[in-house]
Amino acid sequence: EKMQHTLDTMFKSTGVQNAYFPLLIPKSFLCREAEHVEGFA
């Protein structure tokens, strides 16, 4: 938590905002970037 809080403050000082995205990703999405899917398959 101390790491997280410190980094979060550092990020926000550069203009970054936090958001949240789904845990589950459609398989078709992963397949759209060829090198990416090969790297994590």
Full PDB file with SEQRES, HELIX, SHEET, SSBOND, CRYST1, ORIGX, SCALE, CONECT and MASTER records, all heavy atoms in Angstrom:
SEQRES   1 A   41  GLU LYS MET GLN HIS THR LEU ASP THR MET PHE LYS SER          
SEQRES   2 A   41  THR GLY VAL GLN ASN ALA TYR PHE PRO LEU LEU ILE PRO          
SEQRES   3 A   41  LYS SER PHE LEU CYS ARG GLU ALA GLU HIS VAL GLU GLY          
SEQRES   4 A   41  PHE ALA                                                      
HELIX    1 AA1 LYS A    2  LYS A   12  1                                  11    
HELIX    2 AA2 LYS A   27  LEU A   30  1                                   4    
HELIX    3 AA3 ALA A   34  PHE A   40  1                                   7    
CRYST1    1.000    1.000    1.000  90.00  90.00  90.00 P 1           1          
ORIGX1      1.000000  0.000000  0.000000        0.00000                         
ORIGX2      0.000000  1.000000  0.000000        0.00000                         
ORIGX3      0.000000  0.000000  1.000000        0.00000                         
SCALE1      1.000000  0.000000  0.000000        0.00000                         
SCALE2      0.000000  1.000000  0.000000        0.00000                         
SCALE3      0.000000  0.000000  1.000000        0.00000                         
ATOM      1  N   GLU A   1       0.821  -1.210   0.000  1.00  0.00           N  
ATOM      2  CA  GLU A   1       0.000   0.000   0.000  1.00  0.00           C  
ATOM      3  C   GLU A   1       0.856   1.261   0.000  1.00  0.00           C  
ATOM      4  O   GLU A   1       0.521   2.251  -0.662  1.00  0.00           O  
ATOM      5  CB  GLU A   1      -0.926   0.015   1.213  1.00  0.00           C  
ATOM      6  CG  GLU A   1      -2.171  -0.838   1.059  1.00  0.00           C  
ATOM      7  CD  GLU A   1      -3.096  -0.732   2.249  1.00  0.00           C  
ATOM      8  OE1 GLU A   1      -2.601  -0.804   3.394  1.00  0.00           O  
ATOM      9  OE2 GLU A   1      -4.316  -0.569   2.053  1.00  0.00           O  
ATOM     10  N   LYS A   2       1.968   1.246   0.734  1.00  0.00           N  
ATOM     11  CA  LYS A   2       2.852   2.412   0.743  1.00  0.00           C  
ATOM     12  C   LYS A   2       3.496   2.592  -0.630  1.00  0.00           C  
ATOM     13  O   LYS A   2       3.635   3.721  -1.120  1.00  0.00           O  
ATOM     14  CB  LYS A   2       3.931   2.281   1.832  1.00  0.00           C  
ATOM     15  CG  LYS A   2       3.390   2.424   3.240  1.00  0.00           C  
ATOM     16  CD  LYS A   2       4.447   2.868   4.230  1.00  0.00           C  
ATOM     17  CE  LYS A   2       4.753   4.344   4.132  1.00  0.00           C  
ATOM     18  NZ  LYS A   2       5.563   4.844   5.260  1.00  0.00           N  
ATOM     19  N   MET A   3       3.892   1.487  -1.252  1.00  0.00           N  
ATOM     20  CA  MET A   3       4.413   1.564  -2.615  1.00  0.00           C  
ATOM     21  C   MET A   3       3.349   2.139  -3.551  1.00  0.00           C  
ATOM     22  O   MET A   3       3.615   3.051  -4.350  1.00  0.00           O  
ATOM     23  CB  MET A   3       4.815   0.168  -3.102  1.00  0.00           C  
ATOM     24  CG  MET A   3       6.037  -0.425  -2.437  1.00  0.00           C  
ATOM     25  SD  MET A   3       6.404  -2.035  -3.190  1.00  0.00           S  
ATOM     26  CE  MET A   3       8.026  -2.363  -2.521  1.00  0.00           C  
ATOM     27  N   GLN A   4       2.162   1.585  -3.439  1.00  0.00           N  
ATOM     28  CA  GLN A   4       1.052   1.974  -4.305  1.00  0.00           C  
ATOM     29  C   GLN A   4       0.722   3.458  -4.150  1.00  0.00           C  
ATOM     30  O   GLN A   4       0.578   4.191  -5.139  1.00  0.00           O  
ATOM     31  CB  GLN A   4      -0.165   1.110  -3.959  1.00  0.00           C  
ATOM     32  CG  GLN A   4      -1.359   1.283  -4.871  1.00  0.00           C  
ATOM     33  CD  GLN A   4      -2.515   0.398  -4.433  1.00  0.00           C  
ATOM     34  OE1 GLN A   4      -2.764   0.227  -3.244  1.00  0.00           O  
ATOM     35  NE2 GLN A   4      -3.231  -0.161  -5.384  1.00  0.00           N  
ATOM     36  N   HIS A   5       0.624   3.911  -2.903  1.00  0.00           N  
ATOM     37  CA  HIS A   5       0.279   5.307  -2.641  1.00  0.00           C  
ATOM     38  C   HIS A   5       1.344   6.247  -3.197  1.00  0.00           C  
ATOM     39  O   HIS A   5       1.029   7.280  -3.816  1.00  0.00           O  
ATOM     40  CB  HIS A   5       0.117   5.536  -1.134  1.00  0.00           C  
ATOM     41  CG  HIS A   5      -0.104   6.973  -0.768  1.00  0.00           C  
ATOM     42  ND1 HIS A   5      -1.305   7.620  -0.978  1.00  0.00           N  
ATOM     43  CD2 HIS A   5       0.735   7.895  -0.234  1.00  0.00           C  
ATOM     44  CE1 HIS A   5      -1.196   8.877  -0.586  1.00  0.00           C  
ATOM     45  NE2 HIS A   5       0.023   9.074  -0.120  1.00  0.00           N  
ATOM     46  N   THR A   6       2.614   5.891  -2.989  1.00  0.00           N  
ATOM     47  CA  THR A   6       3.710   6.733  -3.455  1.00  0.00           C  
ATOM     48  C   THR A   6       3.728   6.807  -4.978  1.00  0.00           C  
ATOM     49  O   THR A   6       3.823   7.894  -5.571  1.00  0.00           O  
ATOM     50  CB  THR A   6       5.061   6.199  -2.947  1.00  0.00           C  
ATOM     51  OG1 THR A   6       5.029   6.122  -1.515  1.00  0.00           O  
ATOM     52  CG2 THR A   6       6.203   7.091  -3.373  1.00  0.00           C  
ATOM     53  N   LEU A   7       3.642   5.647  -5.631  1.00  0.00           N  
ATOM     54  CA  LEU A   7       3.641   5.622  -7.088  1.00  0.00           C  
ATOM     55  C   LEU A   7       2.430   6.351  -7.655  1.00  0.00           C  
ATOM     56  O   LEU A   7       2.538   7.104  -8.627  1.00  0.00           O  
ATOM     57  CB  LEU A   7       3.661   4.174  -7.594  1.00  0.00           C  
ATOM     58  CG  LEU A   7       5.010   3.461  -7.532  1.00  0.00           C  
ATOM     59  CD1 LEU A   7       4.837   1.961  -7.711  1.00  0.00           C  
ATOM     60  CD2 LEU A   7       5.964   4.013  -8.592  1.00  0.00           C  
ATOM     61  N   ASP A   8       1.269   6.139  -7.033  1.00  0.00           N  
ATOM     62  CA  ASP A   8       0.042   6.776  -7.502  1.00  0.00           C  
ATOM     63  C   ASP A   8       0.186   8.300  -7.489  1.00  0.00           C  
ATOM     64  O   ASP A   8      -0.220   8.993  -8.427  1.00  0.00           O  
ATOM     65  CB  ASP A   8      -1.136   6.344  -6.620  1.00  0.00           C  
ATOM     66  CG  ASP A   8      -2.478   6.586  -7.284  1.00  0.00           C  
ATOM     67  OD1 ASP A   8      -2.705   6.016  -8.367  1.00  0.00           O  
ATOM     68  OD2 ASP A   8      -3.289   7.347  -6.731  1.00  0.00           O  
ATOM     69  N   THR A   9       0.781   8.819  -6.418  1.00  0.00           N  
ATOM     70  CA  THR A   9       1.011  10.259  -6.315  1.00  0.00           C  
ATOM     71  C   THR A   9       1.974  10.733  -7.395  1.00  0.00           C  
ATOM     72  O   THR A   9       1.775  11.792  -8.017  1.00  0.00           O  
ATOM     73  CB  THR A   9       1.572  10.607  -4.925  1.00  0.00           C  
ATOM     74  OG1 THR A   9       0.637  10.194  -3.922  1.00  0.00           O  
ATOM     75  CG2 THR A   9       1.817  12.100  -4.793  1.00  0.00           C  
ATOM     76  N   MET A  10       3.017   9.949  -7.641  1.00  0.00           N  
ATOM     77  CA  MET A  10       3.994  10.305  -8.679  1.00  0.00           C  
ATOM     78  C   MET A  10       3.345  10.304 -10.061  1.00  0.00           C  
ATOM     79  O   MET A  10       3.591  11.196 -10.880  1.00  0.00           O  
ATOM     80  CB  MET A  10       5.185   9.337  -8.632  1.00  0.00           C  
ATOM     81  CG  MET A  10       6.001   9.425  -7.345  1.00  0.00           C  
ATOM     82  SD  MET A  10       7.307   8.164  -7.212  1.00  0.00           S  
ATOM     83  CE  MET A  10       8.591   8.904  -8.244  1.00  0.00           C  
ATOM     84  N   PHE A  11       2.508   9.300 -10.330  1.00  0.00           N  
ATOM     85  CA  PHE A  11       1.824   9.233 -11.627  1.00  0.00           C  
ATOM     86  C   PHE A  11       0.923  10.452 -11.826  1.00  0.00           C  
ATOM     87  O   PHE A  11       0.937  11.095 -12.881  1.00  0.00           O  
ATOM     88  CB  PHE A  11       0.971   7.967 -11.731  1.00  0.00           C  
ATOM     89  CG  PHE A  11       1.726   6.670 -11.668  1.00  0.00           C  
ATOM     90  CD1 PHE A  11       1.076   5.494 -11.316  1.00  0.00           C  
ATOM     91  CD2 PHE A  11       3.082   6.599 -11.951  1.00  0.00           C  
ATOM     92  CE1 PHE A  11       1.753   4.289 -11.259  1.00  0.00           C  
ATOM     93  CE2 PHE A  11       3.773   5.403 -11.892  1.00  0.00           C  
ATOM     94  CZ  PHE A  11       3.103   4.248 -11.546  1.00  0.00           C  
ATOM     95  N   LYS A  12       0.124  10.742 -10.819  1.00  0.00           N  
ATOM     96  CA  LYS A  12      -0.852  11.820 -10.941  1.00  0.00           C  
ATOM     97  C   LYS A  12      -0.177  13.177 -11.108  1.00  0.00           C  
ATOM     98  O   LYS A  12      -0.730  14.078 -11.737  1.00  0.00           O  
ATOM     99  CB  LYS A  12      -1.786  11.819  -9.741  1.00  0.00           C  
ATOM    100  CG  LYS A  12      -2.780  10.662  -9.777  1.00  0.00           C  
ATOM    101  CD  LYS A  12      -3.617  10.563  -8.517  1.00  0.00           C  
ATOM    102  CE  LYS A  12      -4.608   9.400  -8.628  1.00  0.00           C  
ATOM    103  NZ  LYS A  12      -5.325   9.152  -7.362  1.00  0.00           N  
ATOM    104  N   SER A  13       1.034  13.315 -10.570  1.00  0.00           N  
ATOM    105  CA  SER A  13       1.760  14.578 -10.731  1.00  0.00           C  
ATOM    106  C   SER A  13       2.150  14.820 -12.193  1.00  0.00           C  
ATOM    107  O   SER A  13       2.487  15.949 -12.574  1.00  0.00           O  
ATOM    108  CB  SER A  13       3.007  14.590  -9.850  1.00  0.00           C  
ATOM    109  OG  SER A  13       4.011  13.723 -10.370  1.00  0.00           O  
ATOM    110  N   THR A  14       2.092  13.771 -13.034  1.00  0.00           N  
ATOM    111  CA  THR A  14       2.396  13.918 -14.463  1.00  0.00           C  
ATOM    112  C   THR A  14       1.129  13.994 -15.306  1.00  0.00           C  
ATOM    113  O   THR A  14       1.203  13.958 -16.539  1.00  0.00           O  
ATOM    114  CB  THR A  14       3.264  12.750 -14.970  1.00  0.00           C  
ATOM    115  OG1 THR A  14       2.477  11.548 -15.023  1.00  0.00           O  
ATOM    116  CG2 THR A  14       4.477  12.526 -14.080  1.00  0.00           C  
ATOM    117  N   GLY A  15      -0.041  14.066 -14.657  1.00  0.00           N  
ATOM    118  CA  GLY A  15      -1.300  14.203 -15.390  1.00  0.00           C  
ATOM    119  C   GLY A  15      -2.087  12.921 -15.569  1.00  0.00           C  
ATOM    120  O   GLY A  15      -3.151  12.922 -16.205  1.00  0.00           O  
ATOM    121  N   VAL A  16      -1.606  11.811 -15.023  1.00  0.00           N  
ATOM    122  CA  VAL A  16      -2.279  10.523 -15.181  1.00  0.00           C  
ATOM    123  C   VAL A  16      -3.512  10.442 -14.285  1.00  0.00           C  
ATOM    124  O   VAL A  16      -3.525  10.935 -13.159  1.00  0.00           O  
ATOM    125  CB  VAL A  16      -1.307   9.367 -14.847  1.00  0.00           C  
ATOM    126  CG1 VAL A  16      -2.018   8.026 -14.815  1.00  0.00           C  
ATOM    127  CG2 VAL A  16      -0.168   9.343 -15.863  1.00  0.00           C  
ATOM    128  N   GLN A  17      -4.578   9.806 -14.798  1.00  0.00           N  
ATOM    129  CA  GLN A  17      -5.795   9.537 -14.023  1.00  0.00           C  
ATOM    130  C   GLN A  17      -5.996   8.034 -13.919  1.00  0.00           C  
ATOM    131  O   GLN A  17      -5.591   7.270 -14.804  1.00  0.00           O  
ATOM    132  CB  GLN A  17      -7.017  10.162 -14.695  1.00  0.00           C  
ATOM    133  CG  GLN A  17      -7.011  11.683 -14.738  1.00  0.00           C  
ATOM    134  CD  GLN A  17      -8.234  12.211 -15.448  1.00  0.00           C  
ATOM    135  OE1 GLN A  17      -8.437  11.972 -16.634  1.00  0.00           O  
ATOM    136  NE2 GLN A  17      -9.072  12.935 -14.713  1.00  0.00           N  
ATOM    137  N   ASN A  18      -6.661   7.596 -12.842  1.00  0.00           N  
ATOM    138  CA  ASN A  18      -6.943   6.176 -12.660  1.00  0.00           C  
ATOM    139  C   ASN A  18      -8.312   5.807 -13.225  1.00  0.00           C  
ATOM    140  O   ASN A  18      -9.265   6.594 -13.155  1.00  0.00           O  
ATOM    141  CB  ASN A  18      -6.908   5.803 -11.177  1.00  0.00           C  
ATOM    142  CG  ASN A  18      -5.500   5.762 -10.628  1.00  0.00           C  
ATOM    143  OD1 ASN A  18      -4.550   5.521 -11.365  1.00  0.00           O  
ATOM    144  ND2 ASN A  18      -5.347   5.996  -9.334  1.00  0.00           N  
ATOM    145  N   ALA A  19      -8.401   4.586 -13.749  1.00  0.00           N  
ATOM    146  CA  ALA A  19      -9.666   4.019 -14.228  1.00  0.00           C  
ATOM    147  C   ALA A  19      -9.612   2.519 -13.971  1.00  0.00           C  
ATOM    148  O   ALA A  19      -8.618   1.999 -13.452  1.00  0.00           O  
ATOM    149  CB  ALA A  19      -9.863   4.316 -15.711  1.00  0.00           C  
ATOM    150  N   TYR A  20     -10.685   1.828 -14.322  1.00  0.00           N  
ATOM    151  CA  TYR A  20     -10.697   0.373 -14.153  1.00  0.00           C  
ATOM    152  C   TYR A  20     -11.385  -0.271 -15.351  1.00  0.00           C  
ATOM    153  O   TYR A  20     -12.426   0.205 -15.816  1.00  0.00           O  
ATOM    154  CB  TYR A  20     -11.412  -0.036 -12.866  1.00  0.00           C  
ATOM    155  CG  TYR A  20     -11.299  -1.525 -12.609  1.00  0.00           C  
ATOM    156  CD1 TYR A  20     -10.136  -2.058 -12.059  1.00  0.00           C  
ATOM    157  CD2 TYR A  20     -12.316  -2.400 -12.974  1.00  0.00           C  
ATOM    158  CE1 TYR A  20     -10.000  -3.419 -11.866  1.00  0.00           C  
ATOM    159  CE2 TYR A  20     -12.187  -3.764 -12.786  1.00  0.00           C  
ATOM    160  CZ  TYR A  20     -11.028  -4.272 -12.232  1.00  0.00           C  
ATOM    161  OH  TYR A  20     -10.886  -5.626 -12.054  1.00  0.00           O  
ATOM    162  N   PHE A  21     -10.797  -1.380 -15.828  1.00  0.00           N  
ATOM    163  CA  PHE A  21     -11.302  -2.086 -17.000  1.00  0.00           C  
ATOM    164  C   PHE A  21     -11.583  -3.550 -16.641  1.00  0.00           C  
ATOM    165  O   PHE A  21     -11.075  -4.066 -15.648  1.00  0.00           O  
ATOM    166  CB  PHE A  21     -10.272  -1.995 -18.136  1.00  0.00           C  
ATOM    167  CG  PHE A  21     -10.013  -0.584 -18.580  1.00  0.00           C  
ATOM    168  CD1 PHE A  21      -9.052   0.199 -17.943  1.00  0.00           C  
ATOM    169  CD2 PHE A  21     -10.748  -0.024 -19.619  1.00  0.00           C  
ATOM    170  CE1 PHE A  21      -8.825   1.511 -18.343  1.00  0.00           C  
ATOM    171  CE2 PHE A  21     -10.522   1.284 -20.017  1.00  0.00           C  
ATOM    172  CZ  PHE A  21      -9.565   2.055 -19.376  1.00  0.00           C  
ATOM    173  N   PRO A  22     -12.391  -4.256 -17.440  1.00  0.00           N  
ATOM    174  CA  PRO A  22     -12.824  -5.612 -17.087  1.00  0.00           C  
ATOM    175  C   PRO A  22     -11.682  -6.611 -16.902  1.00  0.00           C  
ATOM    176  O   PRO A  22     -10.656  -6.534 -17.580  1.00  0.00           O  
ATOM    177  CB  PRO A  22     -13.709  -6.008 -18.271  1.00  0.00           C  
ATOM    178  CG  PRO A  22     -14.204  -4.723 -18.827  1.00  0.00           C  
ATOM    179  CD  PRO A  22     -13.067  -3.757 -18.647  1.00  0.00           C  
ATOM    180  N   LEU A  23     -11.928  -7.552 -16.001  1.00  0.00           N  
ATOM    181  CA  LEU A  23     -10.995  -8.653 -15.752  1.00  0.00           C  
ATOM    182  C   LEU A  23     -10.974  -9.623 -16.926  1.00  0.00           C  
ATOM    183  O   LEU A  23      -9.947 -10.225 -17.236  1.00  0.00           O  
ATOM    184  CB  LEU A  23     -11.414  -9.387 -14.479  1.00  0.00           C  
ATOM    185  CG  LEU A  23     -10.724 -10.703 -14.154  1.00  0.00           C  
ATOM    186  CD1 LEU A  23      -9.272 -10.456 -13.780  1.00  0.00           C  
ATOM    187  CD2 LEU A  23     -11.445 -11.423 -13.017  1.00  0.00           C  
ATOM    188  N   LEU A  24     -12.123  -9.783 -17.589  1.00  0.00           N  
ATOM    189  CA  LEU A  24     -12.273 -10.766 -18.659  1.00  0.00           C  
ATOM    190  C   LEU A  24     -12.192 -10.087 -20.024  1.00  0.00           C  
ATOM    191  O   LEU A  24     -12.816  -9.046 -20.255  1.00  0.00           O  
ATOM    192  CB  LEU A  24     -13.599 -11.511 -18.523  1.00  0.00           C  
ATOM    193  CG  LEU A  24     -13.767 -12.280 -17.199  1.00  0.00           C  
ATOM    194  CD1 LEU A  24     -15.161 -12.883 -17.113  1.00  0.00           C  
ATOM    195  CD2 LEU A  24     -12.706 -13.357 -17.063  1.00  0.00           C  
ATOM    196  N   ILE A  25     -11.424 -10.707 -20.910  1.00  0.00           N  
ATOM    197  CA  ILE A  25     -11.172 -10.131 -22.232  1.00  0.00           C  
ATOM    198  C   ILE A  25     -11.640 -11.119 -23.305  1.00  0.00           C  
ATOM    199  O   ILE A  25     -11.255 -12.301 -23.273  1.00  0.00           O  
ATOM    200  CB  ILE A  25      -9.669  -9.854 -22.412  1.00  0.00           C  
ATOM    201  CG1 ILE A  25      -9.196  -8.851 -21.344  1.00  0.00           C  
ATOM    202  CG2 ILE A  25      -9.371  -9.341 -23.814  1.00  0.00           C  
ATOM    203  CD1 ILE A  25      -7.697  -8.657 -21.322  1.00  0.00           C  
ATOM    204  N   PRO A  26     -12.473 -10.689 -24.256  1.00  0.00           N  
ATOM    205  CA  PRO A  26     -12.874 -11.595 -25.349  1.00  0.00           C  
ATOM    206  C   PRO A  26     -11.649 -12.131 -26.085  1.00  0.00           C  
ATOM    207  O   PRO A  26     -10.703 -11.381 -26.367  1.00  0.00           O  
ATOM    208  CB  PRO A  26     -13.712 -10.690 -26.262  1.00  0.00           C  
ATOM    209  CG  PRO A  26     -14.201  -9.585 -25.374  1.00  0.00           C  
ATOM    210  CD  PRO A  26     -13.101  -9.353 -24.379  1.00  0.00           C  
ATOM    211  N   LYS A  27     -11.659 -13.408 -26.370  1.00  0.00           N  
ATOM    212  CA  LYS A  27     -10.501 -14.022 -27.030  1.00  0.00           C  
ATOM    213  C   LYS A  27     -10.201 -13.347 -28.364  1.00  0.00           C  
ATOM    214  O   LYS A  27      -9.040 -13.191 -28.753  1.00  0.00           O  
ATOM    215  CB  LYS A  27     -10.740 -15.520 -27.234  1.00  0.00           C  
ATOM    216  CG  LYS A  27      -9.502 -16.255 -27.764  1.00  0.00           C  
ATOM    217  CD  LYS A  27      -9.682 -17.760 -27.759  1.00  0.00           C  
ATOM    218  CE  LYS A  27     -10.573 -18.209 -28.907  1.00  0.00           C  
ATOM    219  NZ  LYS A  27     -10.599 -19.681 -29.035  1.00  0.00           N  
ATOM    220  N   SER A  28     -11.238 -12.907 -29.067  1.00  0.00           N  
ATOM    221  CA  SER A  28     -11.043 -12.250 -30.361  1.00  0.00           C  
ATOM    222  C   SER A  28     -10.243 -10.960 -30.218  1.00  0.00           C  
ATOM    223  O   SER A  28      -9.502 -10.581 -31.119  1.00  0.00           O  
ATOM    224  CB  SER A  28     -12.398 -11.941 -31.009  1.00  0.00           C  
ATOM    225  OG  SER A  28     -13.174 -11.082 -30.174  1.00  0.00           O  
ATOM    226  N   PHE A  29     -10.373 -10.267 -29.063  1.00  0.00           N  
ATOM    227  CA  PHE A  29      -9.606  -9.051 -28.833  1.00  0.00           C  
ATOM    228  C   PHE A  29      -8.114  -9.372 -28.766  1.00  0.00           C  
ATOM    229  O   PHE A  29      -7.291  -8.675 -29.344  1.00  0.00           O  
ATOM    230  CB  PHE A  29     -10.036  -8.379 -27.513  1.00  0.00           C  
ATOM    231  CG  PHE A  29     -11.236  -7.482 -27.642  1.00  0.00           C  
ATOM    232  CD1 PHE A  29     -12.319  -7.850 -28.418  1.00  0.00           C  
ATOM    233  CD2 PHE A  29     -11.277  -6.267 -27.000  1.00  0.00           C  
ATOM    234  CE1 PHE A  29     -13.431  -7.041 -28.546  1.00  0.00           C  
ATOM    235  CE2 PHE A  29     -12.370  -5.428 -27.111  1.00  0.00           C  
ATOM    236  CZ  PHE A  29     -13.462  -5.811 -27.890  1.00  0.00           C  
ATOM    237  N   LEU A  30      -7.800 -10.427 -28.025  1.00  0.00           N  
ATOM    238  CA  LEU A  30      -6.395 -10.782 -27.827  1.00  0.00           C  
ATOM    239  C   LEU A  30      -5.729 -11.160 -29.147  1.00  0.00           C  
ATOM    240  O   LEU A  30      -4.533 -10.974 -29.332  1.00  0.00           O  
ATOM    241  CB  LEU A  30      -6.285 -11.936 -26.828  1.00  0.00           C  
ATOM    242  CG  LEU A  30      -4.950 -12.076 -26.091  1.00  0.00           C  
ATOM    243  CD1 LEU A  30      -4.740 -10.904 -25.139  1.00  0.00           C  
ATOM    244  CD2 LEU A  30      -4.903 -13.380 -25.311  1.00  0.00           C  
ATOM    245  N   CYS A  31      -6.537 -11.671 -30.067  1.00  0.00           N  
ATOM    246  CA  CYS A  31      -5.991 -12.159 -31.327  1.00  0.00           C  
ATOM    247  C   CYS A  31      -5.765 -11.054 -32.362  1.00  0.00           C  
ATOM    248  O   CYS A  31      -5.215 -11.320 -33.436  1.00  0.00           O  
ATOM    249  CB  CYS A  31      -6.925 -13.218 -31.929  1.00  0.00           C  
ATOM    250  SG  CYS A  31      -7.059 -14.715 -30.931  1.00  0.00           S  
ATOM    251  N   ARG A  32      -6.176  -9.830 -32.070  1.00  0.00           N  
ATOM    252  CA  ARG A  32      -6.081  -8.776 -33.088  1.00  0.00           C  
ATOM    253  C   ARG A  32      -4.654  -8.289 -33.322  1.00  0.00           C  
ATOM    254  O   ARG A  32      -4.353  -7.747 -34.381  1.00  0.00           O  
ATOM    255  CB  ARG A  32      -6.971  -7.594 -32.693  1.00  0.00           C  
ATOM    256  CG  ARG A  32      -8.455  -7.905 -32.806  1.00  0.00           C  
ATOM    257  CD  ARG A  32      -9.271  -6.621 -32.724  1.00  0.00           C  
ATOM    258  NE  ARG A  32     -10.672  -6.904 -32.483  1.00  0.00           N  
ATOM    259  CZ  ARG A  32     -11.604  -5.975 -32.395  1.00  0.00           C  
ATOM    260  NH1 ARG A  32     -11.273  -4.698 -32.500  1.00  0.00           N  
ATOM    261  NH2 ARG A  32     -12.864  -6.304 -32.168  1.00  0.00           N  
ATOM    262  N   GLU A  33      -3.794  -8.411 -32.304  1.00  0.00           N  
ATOM    263  CA  GLU A  33      -2.394  -7.995 -32.459  1.00  0.00           C  
ATOM    264  C   GLU A  33      -1.544  -9.253 -32.408  1.00  0.00           C  
ATOM    265  O   GLU A  33      -1.402  -9.871 -31.368  1.00  0.00           O  
ATOM    266  CB  GLU A  33      -2.008  -7.019 -31.335  1.00  0.00           C  
ATOM    267  CG  GLU A  33      -1.034  -5.922 -31.760  1.00  0.00           C  
ATOM    268  CD  GLU A  33       0.365  -6.451 -32.065  1.00  0.00           C  
ATOM    269  OE1 GLU A  33       0.775  -7.424 -31.423  1.00  0.00           O  
ATOM    270  OE2 GLU A  33       1.042  -5.885 -32.934  1.00  0.00           O  
ATOM    271  N   ALA A  34      -1.001  -9.641 -33.561  1.00  0.00           N  
ATOM    272  CA  ALA A  34      -0.376 -10.966 -33.710  1.00  0.00           C  
ATOM    273  C   ALA A  34       0.766 -11.211 -32.734  1.00  0.00           C  
ATOM    274  O   ALA A  34       0.823 -12.267 -32.075  1.00  0.00           O  
ATOM    275  CB  ALA A  34       0.108 -11.139 -35.149  1.00  0.00           C  
ATOM    276  N   GLU A  35       1.706 -10.277 -32.623  1.00  0.00           N  
ATOM    277  CA  GLU A  35       2.849 -10.466 -31.722  1.00  0.00           C  
ATOM    278  C   GLU A  35       2.372 -10.558 -30.270  1.00  0.00           C  
ATOM    279  O   GLU A  35       2.908 -11.322 -29.471  1.00  0.00           O  
ATOM    280  CB  GLU A  35       3.826  -9.293 -31.854  1.00  0.00           C  
ATOM    281  CG  GLU A  35       4.660  -9.319 -33.116  1.00  0.00           C  
ATOM    282  CD  GLU A  35       5.687  -8.197 -33.103  1.00  0.00           C  
ATOM    283  OE1 GLU A  35       6.481  -8.137 -32.138  1.00  0.00           O  
ATOM    284  OE2 GLU A  35       5.671  -7.382 -34.031  1.00  0.00           O  
ATOM    285  N   HIS A  36       1.366  -9.759 -29.933  1.00  0.00           N  
ATOM    286  CA  HIS A  36       0.860  -9.713 -28.570  1.00  0.00           C  
ATOM    287  C   HIS A  36       0.279 -11.069 -28.156  1.00  0.00           C  
ATOM    288  O   HIS A  36       0.617 -11.603 -27.091  1.00  0.00           O  
ATOM    289  CB  HIS A  36      -0.217  -8.625 -28.481  1.00  0.00           C  
ATOM    290  CG  HIS A  36      -0.658  -8.305 -27.093  1.00  0.00           C  
ATOM    291  ND1 HIS A  36       0.168  -7.671 -26.182  1.00  0.00           N  
ATOM    292  CD2 HIS A  36      -1.826  -8.531 -26.443  1.00  0.00           C  
ATOM    293  CE1 HIS A  36      -0.483  -7.502 -25.045  1.00  0.00           C  
ATOM    294  NE2 HIS A  36      -1.693  -8.024 -25.180  1.00  0.00           N  
ATOM    295  N   VAL A  37      -0.583 -11.640 -28.981  1.00  0.00           N  
ATOM    296  CA  VAL A  37      -1.202 -12.924 -28.621  1.00  0.00           C  
ATOM    297  C   VAL A  37      -0.157 -14.029 -28.565  1.00  0.00           C  
ATOM    298  O   VAL A  37      -0.205 -14.908 -27.695  1.00  0.00           O  
ATOM    299  CB  VAL A  37      -2.353 -13.291 -29.586  1.00  0.00           C  
ATOM    300  CG1 VAL A  37      -1.841 -13.595 -30.982  1.00  0.00           C  
ATOM    301  CG2 VAL A  37      -3.154 -14.478 -29.043  1.00  0.00           C  
ATOM    302  N   GLU A  38       0.829 -13.988 -29.463  1.00  0.00           N  
ATOM    303  CA  GLU A  38       1.879 -15.008 -29.446  1.00  0.00           C  
ATOM    304  C   GLU A  38       2.697 -14.923 -28.164  1.00  0.00           C  
ATOM    305  O   GLU A  38       3.089 -15.929 -27.592  1.00  0.00           O  
ATOM    306  CB  GLU A  38       2.788 -14.830 -30.668  1.00  0.00           C  
ATOM    307  CG  GLU A  38       3.843 -15.911 -30.776  1.00  0.00           C  
ATOM    308  CD  GLU A  38       4.728 -15.728 -31.999  1.00  0.00           C  
ATOM    309  OE1 GLU A  38       4.432 -14.845 -32.827  1.00  0.00           O  
ATOM    310  OE2 GLU A  38       5.720 -16.460 -32.121  1.00  0.00           O  
ATOM    311  N   GLY A  39       2.917 -13.686 -27.689  1.00  0.00           N  
ATOM    312  CA  GLY A  39       3.718 -13.490 -26.486  1.00  0.00           C  
ATOM    313  C   GLY A  39       3.058 -14.004 -25.224  1.00  0.00           C  
ATOM    314  O   GLY A  39       3.739 -14.386 -24.272  1.00  0.00           O  
ATOM    315  N   PHE A  40       1.714 -14.004 -25.192  1.00  0.00           N  
ATOM    316  CA  PHE A  40       1.007 -14.385 -23.965  1.00  0.00           C  
ATOM    317  C   PHE A  40       0.209 -15.682 -24.078  1.00  0.00           C  
ATOM    318  O   PHE A  40      -0.368 -16.137 -23.083  1.00  0.00           O  
ATOM    319  CB  PHE A  40       0.051 -13.255 -23.540  1.00  0.00           C  
ATOM    320  CG  PHE A  40       0.764 -12.055 -22.991  1.00  0.00           C  
ATOM    321  CD1 PHE A  40       0.978 -10.931 -23.776  1.00  0.00           C  
ATOM    322  CD2 PHE A  40       1.243 -12.046 -21.693  1.00  0.00           C  
ATOM    323  CE1 PHE A  40       1.646  -9.825 -23.273  1.00  0.00           C  
ATOM    324  CE2 PHE A  40       1.912 -10.954 -21.181  1.00  0.00           C  
ATOM    325  CZ  PHE A  40       2.113  -9.834 -21.978  1.00  0.00           C  
ATOM    326  N   ALA A  41       0.169 -16.298 -25.248  1.00  0.00           N  
ATOM    327  CA  ALA A  41      -0.703 -17.448 -25.488  1.00  0.00           C  
ATOM    328  C   ALA A  41      -0.501 -18.583 -24.483  1.00  0.00           C  
ATOM    329  O   ALA A  41      -1.471 -19.190 -24.005  1.00  0.00           O  
ATOM    330  CB  ALA A  41      -0.494 -17.963 -26.915  1.00  0.00           C  
TER     331      ALA A  41                                                      
MASTER        0    0    0    3    0    0    0    6  330    1    0    4          
END                                                                             
